[in-house]
Amino acid sequence: MNEEYYKIGKIGKPHGVKGEVSFHFSDDVFDRTDAEYLMLCIDGLLVPFFMEEYRFRSDETALVKFCDIETQERAAELTGCEVFFSREMSDSDNENVSWAEIVGFMLKDIATGNDIGRIASVDDTTVNILFELEDGTLIPASDELISNININKKEIVIELPEGILDL
């Protein structure tokens, strides 16, 4: 997938008969920036879909009406599509970055300067947030352990608890 975009959610089922869809999101990008369009992954390609309007149903779901999607049948064709957002359009900086945005970042050990691994996902379902690396290793994502986040380099420098990589 294109490195210029990051996954923010998935399109759910149509809502009503006028082409509206439910959008389940994992990033609060709507709260932080004004977006005119979202990128939907269709047959492996990112395609821009311009939004006519949207409204929130909950903290994790919005109802979205895309331009030129006028029927329930057309909306149903989008069900299951992954949704991406432009890193460039995000208002994140090295001090303020969302969990969804750091998937794909390299994790580096502050003590050795060595790469630990690439972040495949972030598990924020419990109080103790974890980075899951591509090799399956779980690393605590505590603010106290993170020394530096560099959005441009797509890396996070972390102070690992002693022996954590030996588990």
Protein backbone atom coordinates (compact mmCIF):
# COMPACT_ATOMS: atom_id res chain seq x y z
CA MET A 1 0.00 0.00 0.00
CA ASN A 2 1.06 3.57 -0.61
CA GLU A 3 3.27 4.99 2.21
CA GLU A 4 1.70 8.45 1.78
CA TYR A 5 -1.56 7.16 3.28
CA TYR A 6 -2.48 5.34 6.47
CA LYS A 7 -5.51 3.21 7.31
CA ILE A 8 -8.16 4.96 9.39
CA GLY A 9 -11.05 2.52 9.18
CA LYS A 10 -13.47 0.48 7.11
CA ILE A 11 -16.76 1.07 5.31
CA GLY A 12 -19.70 -0.78 6.84
CA LYS A 13 -23.17 -1.43 5.49
CA PRO A 14 -25.38 1.07 3.66
CA HIS A 15 -27.55 3.28 5.85
CA GLY A 16 -30.93 4.04 4.36
CA VAL A 17 -31.69 4.10 0.64
CA LYS A 18 -30.03 7.34 -0.52
CA GLY A 19 -26.43 6.09 -0.72
CA GLU A 20 -25.22 6.76 2.81
CA VAL A 21 -22.77 4.27 4.39
CA SER A 22 -21.59 3.63 7.91
CA PHE A 23 -17.88 4.27 8.41
CA HIS A 24 -16.11 2.58 11.32
CA PHE A 25 -12.99 4.59 12.10
CA SER A 26 -9.95 3.97 14.29
CA ASP A 27 -8.47 7.46 14.01
CA ASP A 28 -10.02 10.76 15.09
CA VAL A 29 -8.82 12.58 11.97
CA PHE A 30 -12.28 14.17 11.58
CA ASP A 31 -11.75 15.99 14.87
CA ARG A 32 -8.34 17.29 13.85
CA THR A 33 -8.58 18.36 10.22
CA ASP A 34 -11.08 19.19 7.49
CA ALA A 35 -11.09 16.55 4.79
CA GLU A 36 -12.95 16.82 1.52
CA TYR A 37 -12.32 13.21 0.54
CA LEU A 38 -11.27 9.81 1.81
CA MET A 39 -9.25 7.20 -0.05
CA LEU A 40 -10.99 3.84 -0.40
CA CYS A 41 -9.09 0.70 -1.34
CA ILE A 42 -10.88 -0.80 -4.33
CA ASP A 43 -9.34 -3.85 -6.03
CA GLY A 44 -5.98 -2.99 -4.42
CA LEU A 45 -5.97 0.64 -5.62
CA LEU A 46 -6.56 3.78 -3.55
CA VAL A 47 -9.44 5.74 -5.06
CA PRO A 48 -10.54 9.18 -3.79
CA PHE A 49 -14.20 9.48 -2.78
CA PHE A 50 -15.39 13.02 -2.10
CA MET A 51 -17.75 13.48 0.82
CA GLU A 52 -21.02 15.33 0.42
CA GLU A 53 -21.63 15.20 4.17
CA TYR A 54 -21.02 13.14 7.28
CA ARG A 55 -22.35 12.94 10.81
CA PHE A 56 -21.20 11.04 13.86
CA ARG A 57 -23.21 8.13 15.26
CA SER A 58 -20.72 7.31 18.02
CA ASP A 59 -17.06 7.79 18.94
CA GLU A 60 -16.15 5.11 16.38
CA THR A 61 -18.83 5.36 13.69
CA ALA A 62 -19.93 8.06 11.27
CA LEU A 63 -22.55 8.06 8.55
CA VAL A 64 -21.01 9.28 5.30
CA LYS A 65 -22.66 10.39 2.06
CA PHE A 66 -20.17 10.28 -0.81
CA CYS A 67 -20.71 12.33 -3.98
CA ASP A 68 -22.22 10.31 -6.86
CA ILE A 69 -23.27 7.40 -4.61
CA GLU A 70 -27.04 7.86 -4.78
CA THR A 71 -28.55 4.42 -4.13
CA GLN A 72 -28.43 1.70 -1.51
CA GLU A 73 -27.10 -0.68 -4.19
CA ARG A 74 -24.15 1.59 -5.06
CA ALA A 75 -23.43 2.12 -1.37
CA ALA A 76 -23.46 -1.67 -0.80
CA GLU A 77 -20.62 -2.01 -3.33
CA LEU A 78 -18.40 -0.07 -0.90
CA THR A 79 -19.11 -2.35 2.10
CA GLY A 80 -15.87 -3.76 3.49
CA CYS A 81 -13.58 -1.28 1.72
CA GLU A 82 -10.65 -0.16 3.85
CA VAL A 83 -10.41 3.62 4.25
CA PHE A 84 -7.15 5.58 4.15
CA PHE A 85 -6.14 9.16 4.84
CA SER A 86 -3.29 11.29 3.53
CA ARG A 87 -0.37 11.67 5.95
CA GLU A 88 0.28 15.07 4.37
CA MET A 89 -3.26 16.30 5.11
CA SER A 90 -3.11 15.09 8.70
CA ASP A 91 -2.34 17.83 11.19
CA SER A 92 -0.09 15.52 13.18
CA ASP A 93 3.40 16.54 14.19
CA ASN A 94 6.15 14.93 16.25
CA GLU A 95 4.29 15.90 19.45
CA ASN A 96 0.79 14.89 18.35
CA VAL A 97 0.36 11.71 16.29
CA SER A 98 -2.43 9.14 16.30
CA TRP A 99 -1.95 5.40 16.93
CA ALA A 100 -3.34 4.58 13.47
CA GLU A 101 -0.79 6.87 11.85
CA ILE A 102 2.28 5.13 13.27
CA VAL A 103 1.55 1.70 11.78
CA GLY A 104 4.52 1.05 9.50
CA PHE A 105 6.93 3.14 11.58
CA MET A 106 10.28 1.60 12.60
CA LEU A 107 10.84 1.12 16.33
CA LYS A 108 14.42 1.90 17.44
CA ASP A 109 16.17 1.09 20.72
CA ILE A 110 17.48 4.27 22.40
CA ALA A 111 20.31 2.39 24.17
CA THR A 112 21.80 0.70 21.09
CA GLY A 113 20.38 2.72 18.21
CA ASN A 114 19.38 -0.59 16.60
CA ASP A 115 16.12 -1.21 14.79
CA ILE A 116 13.79 -3.37 16.90
CA GLY A 117 11.21 -3.91 14.18
CA ARG A 118 8.45 -2.35 12.11
CA ILE A 119 5.08 -1.67 13.77
CA ALA A 120 2.38 -3.84 12.19
CA SER A 121 -0.46 -2.73 14.47
CA VAL A 122 -1.26 -1.01 17.75
CA ASP A 123 -3.38 -2.82 20.34
CA ASP A 124 -5.21 -0.15 22.30
CA THR A 125 -8.05 -2.40 23.49
CA THR A 126 -6.68 -2.52 27.04
CA VAL A 127 -5.22 0.03 29.47
CA ASN A 128 -1.70 -1.11 28.52
CA ILE A 129 -1.27 -0.13 24.87
CA LEU A 130 1.07 -2.39 22.88
CA PHE A 131 2.97 -2.09 19.61
CA GLU A 132 2.72 -5.34 17.67
CA LEU A 133 5.74 -5.70 15.42
CA GLU A 134 5.72 -7.49 12.07
CA ASP A 135 7.42 -10.51 13.67
CA GLY A 136 4.67 -10.74 16.33
CA THR A 137 6.73 -9.22 19.16
CA LEU A 138 4.68 -7.10 21.57
CA ILE A 139 6.29 -3.93 22.99
CA PRO A 140 4.66 -1.63 25.58
CA ALA A 141 3.68 1.69 24.00
CA SER A 142 3.85 3.70 27.19
CA ASP A 143 4.49 7.46 26.93
CA GLU A 144 7.20 7.08 29.59
CA LEU A 145 9.16 4.70 27.32
CA ILE A 146 8.87 6.68 24.08
CA SER A 147 11.81 9.06 23.76
CA ASN A 148 11.17 10.51 20.32
CA ILE A 149 8.76 10.27 17.40
CA ASN A 150 9.99 11.42 14.00
CA ILE A 151 7.14 11.56 11.50
CA ASN A 152 9.41 12.46 8.57
CA LYS A 153 11.70 9.46 9.16
CA LYS A 154 8.74 7.28 10.18
CA GLU A 155 10.49 6.08 13.32
CA ILE A 156 9.93 5.93 17.05
CA VAL A 157 12.85 5.82 19.50
CA ILE A 158 11.95 3.86 22.63
CA GLU A 159 13.63 2.98 25.91
CA LEU A 160 12.99 -0.74 26.22
CA PRO A 161 12.48 -2.34 29.63
CA GLU A 162 15.45 -4.58 30.36
CA GLY A 163 15.01 -8.13 29.03
CA ILE A 164 11.77 -7.46 27.15
CA LEU A 165 13.14 -8.78 23.85
CA ASP A 166 14.19 -12.00 25.60
CA LEU A 167 10.59 -12.93 26.48
